[in-house]
Protein backbone atom coordinates (compact mmCIF):
# COMPACT_ATOMS: atom_id res chain seq x y z
CA MET A 1 -69.58 17.59 24.93
CA THR A 2 -69.06 20.38 27.62
CA ILE A 3 -67.46 23.87 26.33
CA ASP A 4 -64.61 23.19 28.84
CA GLU A 5 -64.25 19.66 27.41
CA PHE A 6 -63.83 21.28 24.28
CA ARG A 7 -61.66 23.75 25.33
CA ALA A 8 -59.39 20.80 26.69
CA THR A 9 -59.30 19.37 23.20
CA LEU A 10 -57.16 22.74 21.92
CA SER A 11 -53.92 21.32 23.33
CA SER A 12 -54.34 18.09 21.09
CA THR A 13 -52.88 17.97 17.57
CA THR A 14 -55.65 16.57 15.87
CA PRO A 15 -59.54 18.14 16.10
CA PRO A 16 -62.05 16.16 18.53
CA ALA A 17 -64.81 14.11 16.26
CA VAL A 18 -67.21 16.93 15.86
CA ALA A 19 -69.51 18.85 13.53
CA PRO A 20 -67.60 20.85 10.84
CA LEU A 21 -68.59 24.01 12.34
CA LEU A 22 -66.90 23.25 15.59
CA VAL A 23 -63.95 21.84 13.76
CA ALA A 24 -63.54 25.19 12.47
CA LEU A 25 -63.96 26.91 15.79
CA TRP A 26 -61.22 24.32 17.13
CA HIS A 27 -58.88 25.37 14.23
CA ASP A 28 -59.50 29.25 15.52
CA GLY A 29 -58.99 28.39 19.13
CA ARG A 30 -55.74 27.30 18.21
CA GLY A 31 -54.75 29.87 15.96
CA ASP A 32 -55.40 28.89 12.69
CA TRP A 33 -57.69 31.38 10.94
CA GLU A 34 -56.99 30.46 7.36
CA GLN A 35 -58.12 26.69 8.57
CA ALA A 36 -61.06 27.76 10.53
CA HIS A 37 -62.29 30.04 7.81
CA ARG A 38 -61.85 26.98 4.82
CA VAL A 39 -63.84 25.06 7.11
CA ALA A 40 -66.24 27.41 7.84
CA GLN A 41 -66.88 28.57 4.28
CA GLU A 42 -68.22 24.96 3.37
CA VAL A 43 -71.03 25.17 5.49
CA ASP A 44 -74.01 26.99 4.17
CA ASP A 45 -76.46 27.74 6.42
CA LEU A 46 -77.15 30.09 9.46
CA ASN A 47 -74.77 28.74 11.75
CA GLY A 48 -72.10 28.64 8.68
CA ALA A 49 -72.86 32.29 8.37
CA TRP A 50 -72.58 32.86 12.01
CA VAL A 51 -69.05 31.47 12.53
CA HIS A 52 -68.04 32.93 9.22
CA ALA A 53 -69.34 36.29 10.48
CA TYR A 54 -66.94 35.65 13.75
CA LEU A 55 -63.88 34.88 11.63
CA HIS A 56 -64.58 37.77 9.46
CA ARG A 57 -64.47 40.02 12.45
CA LYS A 58 -61.76 38.96 14.13
CA GLU A 59 -59.78 39.17 10.87
CA GLY A 60 -60.82 42.84 11.16
CA ASP A 61 -63.06 42.80 7.84
CA LEU A 62 -65.86 44.34 10.04
CA GLY A 63 -68.01 45.14 6.46
CA ASN A 64 -67.53 41.73 5.43
CA ALA A 65 -68.38 40.66 9.03
CA ALA A 66 -71.49 42.58 8.95
CA TYR A 67 -73.02 40.78 6.01
CA TRP A 68 -72.33 37.54 7.47
CA TYR A 69 -74.20 38.40 10.81
CA HIS A 70 -76.92 39.40 8.67
CA ARG A 71 -76.95 36.24 6.63
CA ALA A 72 -76.78 34.47 9.73
CA GLY A 73 -79.81 36.12 11.39
CA GLN A 74 -77.38 37.17 14.19
CA PRO A 75 -77.00 41.15 15.61
CA VAL A 76 -73.10 42.25 14.69
CA ALA A 77 -71.43 41.37 17.95
CA THR A 78 -69.44 44.01 19.88
CA ASP A 79 -68.31 42.00 22.64
CA ASP A 80 -64.71 40.30 23.34
CA LEU A 81 -63.67 37.73 20.68
CA ASP A 82 -63.05 35.35 23.25
CA ALA A 83 -66.61 35.81 24.43
CA GLU A 84 -68.55 35.33 21.13
CA TRP A 85 -66.18 32.32 20.61
CA SER A 86 -67.20 30.94 23.71
CA ARG A 87 -71.22 31.70 22.70
CA ILE A 88 -70.75 30.36 19.35
CA VAL A 89 -69.02 27.08 20.66
CA SER A 90 -71.70 26.82 23.14
CA ALA A 91 -74.75 27.10 20.74
CA LEU A 92 -73.05 24.54 18.75
CA LEU A 93 -72.62 22.17 21.24
CA GLY A 94 -76.53 22.74 22.36
CA HIS A 95 -75.84 24.29 25.91
CA ILE A 96 -77.20 27.46 25.38
């Protein structure tokens, strides 16, 4: 699946058949931060920490976000949230 194909699924009422972290980002892309966070916090690995960091950054909890970026081994993002969302989706889809 490409990022454009993934984005196209955002108009659907159900997420595509993808890994849990992509499901979390799908929910976020549809404006459901709470569900995105619920899904993301169930994944205990580096990518799960990265998605968790992004979600807390989006929430505005920058201290918590910094903690999760550190856990993910990622620099604290400072770019546009949409750009970060796209970067994470692309990485999870294997297109970076």
